[in-house]
Protein backbone atom coordinates (compact mmCIF):
# COMPACT_ATOMS: atom_id res chain seq x y z
CA MET A 1 88.93 87.05 122.33
CA THR A 2 88.40 84.78 125.27
CA GLN A 3 85.15 84.22 127.09
CA THR A 4 86.46 86.39 129.93
CA SER A 5 87.36 89.32 127.67
CA ARG A 6 84.02 88.90 125.88
CA SER A 7 82.14 89.36 129.17
CA HIS A 8 83.62 92.92 129.44
CA LEU A 9 81.65 93.91 126.29
CA TYR A 10 78.05 95.11 126.12
CA ARG A 11 75.85 92.09 125.76
CA HIS A 12 74.59 93.14 122.35
CA PHE A 13 78.02 94.26 121.07
CA HIS A 14 78.34 91.30 118.69
CA ARG A 15 74.91 92.00 117.24
CA ILE A 16 75.81 95.61 116.51
CA ALA A 17 79.10 94.44 115.04
CA TRP A 18 77.25 91.97 112.71
CA LEU A 19 74.77 94.71 111.72
CA ALA A 20 77.62 97.01 110.88
CA THR A 21 79.38 94.26 108.92
CA ALA A 22 76.28 93.55 106.81
CA LEU A 23 75.77 97.29 106.22
CA ALA A 24 79.41 97.72 105.13
CA ALA A 25 79.06 94.82 102.65
CA ALA A 26 75.83 96.31 101.21
CA LEU A 27 77.48 99.81 101.06
CA ILE A 28 80.42 98.39 99.08
CA VAL A 29 78.11 96.70 96.53
CA PHE A 30 75.91 99.78 96.27
CA GLY A 31 78.96 101.96 95.89
CA ALA A 32 79.99 99.75 92.95
CA PHE A 33 76.54 100.41 91.42
CA VAL A 34 77.09 104.25 91.90
CA ARG A 35 80.53 104.17 90.41
CA LEU A 36 79.80 101.77 87.49
CA SER A 37 76.61 103.62 86.52
CA ASN A 38 78.65 106.85 86.19
CA ALA A 39 76.85 108.53 89.11
CA GLY A 40 79.99 109.39 91.07
CA LEU A 41 79.80 113.14 90.24
CA SER A 42 76.03 113.38 90.32
CA CYS A 43 76.32 115.43 93.54
CA PRO A 44 79.26 117.74 92.86
CA ASP A 45 79.27 119.22 96.42
CA TRP A 46 79.88 117.37 99.70
CA PRO A 47 78.30 116.39 102.00
CA THR A 48 75.18 118.05 100.62
CA CYS A 49 73.75 117.46 97.14
CA TYR A 50 73.37 120.82 95.37
CA GLY A 51 73.06 122.35 98.80
CA ARG A 52 70.37 119.91 99.94
CA ALA A 53 70.54 117.32 102.78
CA ALA A 54 68.67 114.90 100.50
CA TRP A 55 68.75 115.35 96.67
CA PRO A 56 66.87 117.22 94.01
CA THR A 57 63.95 115.39 92.57
CA ARG A 58 63.64 117.71 89.58
CA ALA A 59 66.31 119.58 87.61
CA ASP A 60 64.41 122.91 87.87
CA GLN A 61 64.67 122.79 91.67
CA ILE A 62 68.30 123.92 91.43
CA VAL A 63 68.95 127.16 89.56
CA ASP A 64 71.99 129.06 90.76
CA HIS A 65 73.90 126.73 93.05
CA ALA A 66 77.67 126.74 92.56
CA ALA A 67 77.70 122.96 92.01
CA THR A 68 75.78 123.31 88.72
CA ALA A 69 78.99 124.79 87.24
CA ILE A 70 80.52 121.33 87.67
CA ARG A 71 77.61 119.11 86.71
CA ALA A 72 74.10 119.83 85.54
CA VAL A 73 71.38 118.32 87.83
CA ASP A 74 70.47 114.80 87.04
CA PRO A 75 67.93 113.54 89.61
CA SER A 76 67.97 110.01 88.18
CA LYS A 77 71.65 109.76 89.30
CA ALA A 78 71.80 112.23 92.19
CA TRP A 79 69.72 109.95 94.49
CA ARG A 80 72.27 107.20 94.11
CA GLU A 81 75.26 109.21 95.25
CA GLN A 82 73.44 110.97 98.17
CA PHE A 83 71.74 107.79 99.33
CA HIS A 84 75.16 106.12 99.39
CA ARG A 85 76.45 108.99 101.56
CA MET A 86 73.48 108.63 103.92
CA VAL A 87 74.02 104.92 104.39
CA ALA A 88 77.72 105.59 104.99
CA GLY A 89 76.65 108.01 107.73
CA VAL A 90 74.58 105.39 109.41
CA LEU A 91 77.56 103.01 109.25
CA GLY A 92 79.74 105.65 110.79
CA VAL A 93 77.30 106.05 113.73
CA LEU A 94 77.34 102.22 114.33
CA VAL A 95 81.18 102.10 114.19
CA LEU A 96 81.31 105.06 116.65
CA ALA A 97 78.90 103.10 118.97
CA LEU A 98 81.14 100.01 118.77
CA ALA A 99 84.24 102.05 119.59
CA LEU A 100 82.56 103.65 122.62
CA LEU A 101 81.25 100.32 123.89
CA ALA A 102 84.57 98.55 123.38
CA ALA A 103 86.66 101.34 124.98
CA ARG A 104 84.75 101.32 128.27
CA ARG A 105 87.38 99.14 130.03
CA ARG A 106 90.29 101.13 128.73
CA ARG A 107 91.71 103.93 130.74
CA TRP A 108 90.50 107.20 129.25
CA GLY A 109 89.00 105.07 126.47
CA ILE A 110 85.62 106.70 126.12
CA THR A 111 87.18 110.18 126.49
CA GLN A 112 89.60 109.51 123.62
CA ILE A 113 86.86 108.18 121.32
CA LEU A 114 84.59 111.11 122.09
CA ALA A 115 87.40 113.62 121.72
CA ALA A 116 88.13 112.26 118.23
CA ALA A 117 84.46 112.31 117.26
CA VAL A 118 84.08 115.96 118.39
CA LEU A 119 87.19 117.03 116.50
CA VAL A 120 85.99 115.36 113.32
CA ALA A 121 82.41 116.84 113.70
CA THR A 122 83.91 120.30 114.24
CA SER A 123 86.03 119.91 111.18
CA ILE A 124 83.00 119.27 109.04
CA HIS A 125 81.40 122.47 110.46
CA PHE A 126 84.43 124.52 109.39
CA TYR A 127 84.55 122.81 105.99
CA MET A 128 80.88 123.67 105.35
CA SER A 129 81.25 127.24 106.48
CA GLY A 130 84.24 127.59 104.13
CA TYR A 131 82.32 125.99 101.24
CA VAL A 132 79.44 128.49 101.81
CA LEU A 133 81.93 131.40 101.59
CA ALA A 134 83.57 129.95 98.50
CA SER A 135 80.19 129.29 96.75
CA ALA A 136 79.23 132.92 97.20
CA HIS A 137 82.04 133.81 94.77
CA PRO A 138 82.10 130.91 92.29
CA ALA A 139 83.73 132.95 89.46
CA GLU A 140 86.56 134.27 91.70
CA ALA A 141 89.43 132.74 93.51
CA ILE A 142 88.62 131.06 96.79
CA PRO A 143 88.37 133.90 99.40
CA ALA A 144 91.04 133.97 102.17
CA ALA A 145 88.38 133.45 104.84
CA ALA A 146 87.23 130.22 103.06
CA GLN A 147 90.84 129.01 102.75
CA THR A 148 91.36 129.58 106.46
CA ARG A 149 88.23 127.52 107.32
CA TYR A 150 89.38 124.74 105.01
CA PHE A 151 92.78 124.75 106.68
CA ILE A 152 91.19 124.53 110.18
CA ALA A 153 88.96 121.74 109.07
CA GLY A 154 91.91 119.79 107.71
CA CYS A 155 93.89 120.27 110.94
CA LEU A 156 90.95 119.18 113.12
CA ALA A 157 90.34 116.04 110.98
CA VAL A 158 93.98 115.06 111.12
CA LEU A 159 94.06 115.65 114.87
CA GLY A 160 90.93 113.47 115.39
CA GLU A 161 92.54 110.64 113.34
CA ALA A 162 95.76 111.02 115.39
CA VAL A 163 93.82 110.65 118.68
CA LEU A 164 92.34 107.32 117.43
CA LEU A 165 95.53 105.93 116.03
CA LEU A 166 97.58 106.78 119.11
CA ALA A 167 94.92 105.19 121.32
CA ALA A 168 94.95 102.03 119.21
CA MET A 169 98.70 101.87 119.26
CA ARG A 170 98.91 102.47 123.01
CA TRP A 171 96.36 99.74 123.82
CA SER A 172 98.50 96.62 123.85
CA ASN A 173 96.55 93.56 122.73
CA LEU A 174 94.48 93.21 119.57
CA ASP A 175 90.97 93.12 121.05
CA ALA A 176 87.55 94.73 120.31
CA ALA A 177 88.68 98.13 121.73
CA ARG A 178 91.78 98.35 119.53
CA ALA A 179 89.99 96.99 116.47
CA SER A 180 87.02 99.34 116.87
CA ALA A 181 89.30 102.37 117.30
CA LEU A 182 91.14 101.44 114.13
CA THR A 183 87.88 100.87 112.27
CA LEU A 184 86.60 104.31 113.37
CA ALA A 185 89.87 105.88 112.10
CA VAL A 186 89.46 104.10 108.76
CA ILE A 187 85.84 105.09 108.34
CA ILE A 188 86.71 108.77 109.09
CA PHE A 189 89.41 108.57 106.42
CA GLN A 190 86.83 106.98 104.17
CA ALA A 191 84.59 110.10 104.57
CA LEU A 192 87.57 112.27 103.55
CA LEU A 193 88.16 110.09 100.52
CA GLY A 194 84.46 110.34 99.64
CA MET A 195 84.78 114.14 99.73
CA TRP A 196 87.96 114.12 97.63
CA THR A 197 86.32 111.74 95.14
CA VAL A 198 83.81 114.50 94.37
CA THR A 199 85.89 117.64 94.85
CA TRP A 200 88.84 116.23 92.97
CA LEU A 201 86.57 115.05 90.10
CA LEU A 202 87.00 111.23 90.30
CA LYS A 203 90.81 111.30 90.69
CA PRO A 204 91.81 107.65 90.14
CA ILE A 205 94.07 107.30 93.16
CA VAL A 206 91.20 108.59 95.36
CA VAL A 207 88.60 106.34 93.73
CA MET A 208 90.83 103.32 94.15
CA GLY A 209 91.61 104.34 97.75
CA HIS A 210 87.91 104.69 98.54
CA LEU A 211 87.24 101.12 97.38
CA VAL A 212 90.17 99.70 99.30
CA GLY A 213 89.10 101.67 102.37
CA GLY A 214 85.63 100.35 102.17
CA LEU A 215 86.82 96.73 102.01
CA THR A 216 89.25 97.44 104.88
CA THR A 217 86.37 98.69 106.94
CA PHE A 218 84.43 95.57 106.08
CA ALA A 219 87.29 93.34 107.01
CA LEU A 220 87.85 94.97 110.40
CA LEU A 221 84.16 94.85 111.21
CA ALA A 222 83.91 91.16 110.23
CA TRP A 223 86.99 90.34 112.38
CA THR A 224 85.49 92.26 115.34
CA ALA A 225 82.11 90.53 114.91
CA TRP A 226 83.59 87.07 114.84
CA ARG A 227 85.84 87.67 117.81
CA ALA A 228 82.95 89.16 119.79
CA THR A 229 80.76 86.18 118.87
CA ASP A 230 83.49 83.85 120.18
CA LEU A 231 83.05 80.74 118.00
CA PRO A 232 86.63 79.46 117.63
CA ILE A 233 87.77 76.79 115.26
CA LEU A 234 90.37 74.78 117.13
CA THR A 235 93.17 73.14 115.19
CA ALA A 236 96.75 72.32 115.89
CA ASP A 237 97.79 73.95 112.61
CA ALA A 238 96.18 77.30 113.46
CA ARG A 239 99.47 79.26 113.49
CA ARG A 240 100.64 77.96 110.11
CA LEU A 241 97.23 78.44 108.62
CA ARG A 242 97.15 82.02 109.85
CA GLN A 243 100.37 82.69 107.97
CA TRP A 244 98.87 81.36 104.77
CA LEU A 245 95.73 83.38 105.34
CA ILE A 246 97.68 86.65 105.83
CA ILE A 247 99.54 86.01 102.58
CA GLY A 248 96.19 85.36 100.91
CA LEU A 249 94.81 88.63 102.26
CA VAL A 250 97.80 90.59 101.01
CA LEU A 251 97.44 89.09 97.45
CA LEU A 252 93.62 89.57 97.41
CA GLY A 253 94.09 93.10 98.67
CA THR A 254 96.57 93.89 95.90
CA GLN A 255 94.18 92.44 93.36
CA ILE A 256 91.27 94.47 94.69
CA ALA A 257 93.42 97.65 94.44
CA LEU A 258 94.33 96.74 90.83
CA GLY A 259 90.60 96.19 90.13
CA GLY A 260 89.86 99.64 91.66
CA TRP A 261 92.63 101.18 89.51
CA THR A 262 91.21 99.49 86.38
CA SER A 263 87.75 100.80 87.12
CA ALA A 264 88.88 104.30 88.11
CA ASN A 265 90.84 104.62 84.80
CA TYR A 266 88.03 103.15 82.73
CA ALA A 267 90.41 100.41 81.59
CA ALA A 268 87.90 97.51 81.70
CA TRP A 269 87.27 98.05 77.92
CA ALA A 270 90.91 98.35 76.94
CA CYS A 271 91.08 94.84 75.42
CA GLY A 272 87.65 94.94 73.82
CA THR A 273 85.82 91.65 74.31
CA ASP A 274 88.87 89.43 73.73
CA PHE A 275 89.91 86.79 76.22
CA PRO A 276 92.47 85.32 76.88
CA LYS A 277 93.97 87.60 74.24
CA CYS A 278 93.79 91.38 74.45
CA ALA A 279 92.73 93.28 71.35
CA GLY A 280 93.53 90.27 69.19
CA ASP A 281 97.07 89.85 70.57
CA TRP A 282 98.66 88.00 73.46
CA TRP A 283 100.79 90.96 74.36
CA PRO A 284 99.44 94.10 72.69
CA GLU A 285 100.95 97.53 72.64
CA HIS A 286 101.01 98.82 76.26
CA ASN A 287 102.51 101.53 78.45
CA PHE A 288 102.96 100.54 82.05
CA HIS A 289 104.73 103.79 82.94
CA GLN A 290 101.73 105.97 81.98
CA GLY A 291 99.22 103.39 83.19
CA PHE A 292 100.56 103.50 86.75
CA VAL A 293 101.24 107.25 87.28
CA LEU A 294 99.50 107.62 90.62
CA TRP A 295 99.35 111.43 90.88
CA ARG A 296 98.52 113.73 87.99
CA GLY A 297 97.53 116.86 89.81
CA ILE A 298 94.25 118.37 90.77
CA GLY A 299 91.62 120.09 88.59
CA VAL A 300 91.27 117.57 85.79
CA ASP A 301 87.86 115.93 85.26
CA TYR A 302 88.64 112.13 85.23
CA GLU A 303 85.14 110.93 84.36
CA GLY A 304 85.44 108.70 81.34
CA GLY A 305 89.26 108.45 81.82
CA ILE A 306 92.13 110.56 80.39
CA LEU A 307 94.66 107.79 79.44
CA ASP A 308 95.40 106.64 75.94
CA ASN A 309 94.60 102.97 75.14
CA PRO A 310 98.17 101.56 75.57
CA ALA A 311 98.21 102.87 79.15
CA ARG A 312 94.75 101.32 79.72
CA VAL A 313 95.88 98.06 78.20
CA ALA A 314 98.77 97.89 80.61
CA ILE A 315 96.38 98.32 83.53
CA GLN A 316 94.04 95.65 82.20
CA MET A 317 96.86 93.18 81.64
CA ALA A 318 98.29 93.81 85.11
CA HIS A 319 94.82 93.06 86.58
CA ARG A 320 94.59 89.86 84.54
CA LEU A 321 98.07 88.61 85.48
CA MET A 322 97.53 89.27 89.16
CA ALA A 323 94.17 87.60 88.95
CA GLY A 324 95.93 84.41 87.86
CA VAL A 325 98.41 84.62 90.73
CA VAL A 326 95.62 85.12 93.28
CA PHE A 327 93.50 82.36 91.73
CA VAL A 328 96.24 79.76 91.94
CA TYR A 329 97.18 80.75 95.48
CA LEU A 330 93.56 80.65 96.79
CA LEU A 331 92.95 77.28 95.15
CA GLY A 332 96.13 75.92 96.80
CA LEU A 333 94.89 77.29 100.16
CA ALA A 334 91.57 75.72 99.58
CA VAL A 335 93.16 72.31 98.93
CA LYS A 336 95.00 72.70 102.30
CA LEU A 337 91.71 73.38 104.04
CA LEU A 338 89.92 70.50 102.32
CA ARG A 339 92.52 68.12 103.86
CA MET A 340 91.85 69.26 107.36
CA PRO A 341 88.95 67.99 109.50
CA GLY A 342 86.49 70.69 110.45
CA LEU A 343 87.72 73.00 107.63
CA ARG A 344 86.50 71.17 104.53
CA GLY A 345 83.37 73.32 104.20
CA TRP A 346 85.50 76.47 104.25
CA GLY A 347 87.88 74.98 101.75
CA MET A 348 84.99 74.25 99.38
CA ALA A 349 83.57 77.74 99.85
CA LEU A 350 86.94 79.33 99.08
CA ALA A 351 87.49 77.25 95.99
CA LEU A 352 83.99 77.85 94.70
CA LEU A 353 84.19 81.64 95.28
CA ALA A 354 87.60 81.87 93.63
CA CYS A 355 86.25 80.00 90.53
CA VAL A 356 83.07 82.17 90.42
CA GLN A 357 85.07 85.34 90.78
CA VAL A 358 87.39 84.40 87.83
CA GLY A 359 84.38 83.41 85.78
CA LEU A 360 82.75 86.80 86.49
CA GLY A 361 85.87 88.61 85.55
CA ILE A 362 86.10 86.77 82.26
CA SER A 363 82.37 87.25 81.55
CA ASN A 364 82.73 91.02 82.17
CA VAL A 365 85.26 91.21 79.41
CA MET A 366 83.50 88.91 76.92
CA LEU A 367 80.07 90.42 77.51
CA ALA A 368 81.30 94.06 77.34
CA LEU A 369 80.91 94.87 81.05
CA PRO A 370 77.15 94.49 81.79
CA LEU A 371 76.36 96.53 84.88
CA SER A 372 74.84 93.66 86.84
CA MET A 373 77.80 91.37 86.27
CA ALA A 374 80.30 94.08 87.08
CA ILE A 375 78.51 94.74 90.44
CA LEU A 376 78.55 90.96 91.16
CA HIS A 377 82.30 90.98 90.56
CA ASN A 378 82.61 93.53 93.36
CA ALA A 379 80.37 91.40 95.55
CA GLY A 380 82.55 88.39 94.80
CA ALA A 381 85.60 90.28 96.22
CA VAL A 382 83.62 91.00 99.38
CA ALA A 383 82.68 87.29 99.74
CA LEU A 384 86.34 86.12 99.27
CA LEU A 385 87.53 88.69 101.75
CA PHE A 386 84.88 87.50 104.24
CA VAL A 387 86.01 83.91 104.07
CA LEU A 388 89.71 84.77 104.62
CA VAL A 389 88.97 87.16 107.48
CA THR A 390 86.59 84.71 109.10
CA LEU A 391 89.21 81.98 109.17
CA LEU A 392 91.77 84.38 110.44
CA ALA A 393 89.50 85.44 113.30
CA ARG A 394 88.28 82.01 114.28
CA LEU A 395 91.33 79.77 113.90
CA ARG A 396 92.97 79.06 117.24
CA PRO A 397 95.21 76.31 118.67
CA PRO A 398 93.73 74.08 121.37
CA GLU A 399 94.29 74.94 124.99
CA GLY A 400 97.90 74.32 125.97
CA MET A 401 99.21 75.00 122.46
CA ALA A 402 98.51 78.77 122.25
């Protein structure tokens, strides 16, 4: 983003973007705490928690709500899930504000952003009215009226997403307006994934998608914040380095998805506390076919996992092998950065974070997945992503070489 294009933005746009970036990072880490402390189903309904805007503070406060048929009330965990949703709502408002501010110079920009927001808000209204109808008959099949409202809610949400995506595709250059519209589309889909995480009982593909979506939101916000701040790093090798960075982002994204799949299928314990071996063997009994079946239908409670150990071993081994590939690549990229004036600090940061992240991964296995270390492992992925996105956003060739 050039100084000229930056002047078209609201003067505090970059501050709002940085606030949203920090909040997204905190939300990812807190989401890991919710997931790893087995609190993901502590509010079985959505977006309320046992019908409350907040959460029950005592188990006897909820007697006959339909959600109790899915999970008994546990106030010690319910606050984690509902607080996570509340913070996600605040982040959604910030992203909406960024999209509105950035779209002011686009033809019909504000109208498109507002139209998408209204469509999504209306879809939530229809979903909630359908849920109330369905909850009135918990022992029966979902009434036709509730199904109709669910269908309308789904159509409105899809239409809202389509408005944002079409706007972003129609706007030509990749600037704050386009990035903010894409970020808003991602965060709306994140809300849907959050709902499906609960209503589909921790379905692994949804849990993994929710993690990847959160990190995608963070990456888009970090890119937007850096571009709005306009602090370029000028180097003649900018184009070549961007290609290396994009490859690094693809590899890191793949590893993050594998980590999410490992966590969602409760495969972190598959090898016991053995490393580098797994269950006392270099290549133990495994089942990659069963380990990577992405869709197993709806209605199964996936809390605690449903796979046998050979399938979980396959997932764990895939995560380990990919970790080696990503580690070697990021170290190679760090060496390249260390050899370039003005980029040595970023090279050292990348190398240090890659080593720490691998160390945390190994420690998680050998120490039997302590909660604090598992959460730090998620935070390490956020930090690595931030370094790569930062460099991708700030690297530019000098004037005359663009």
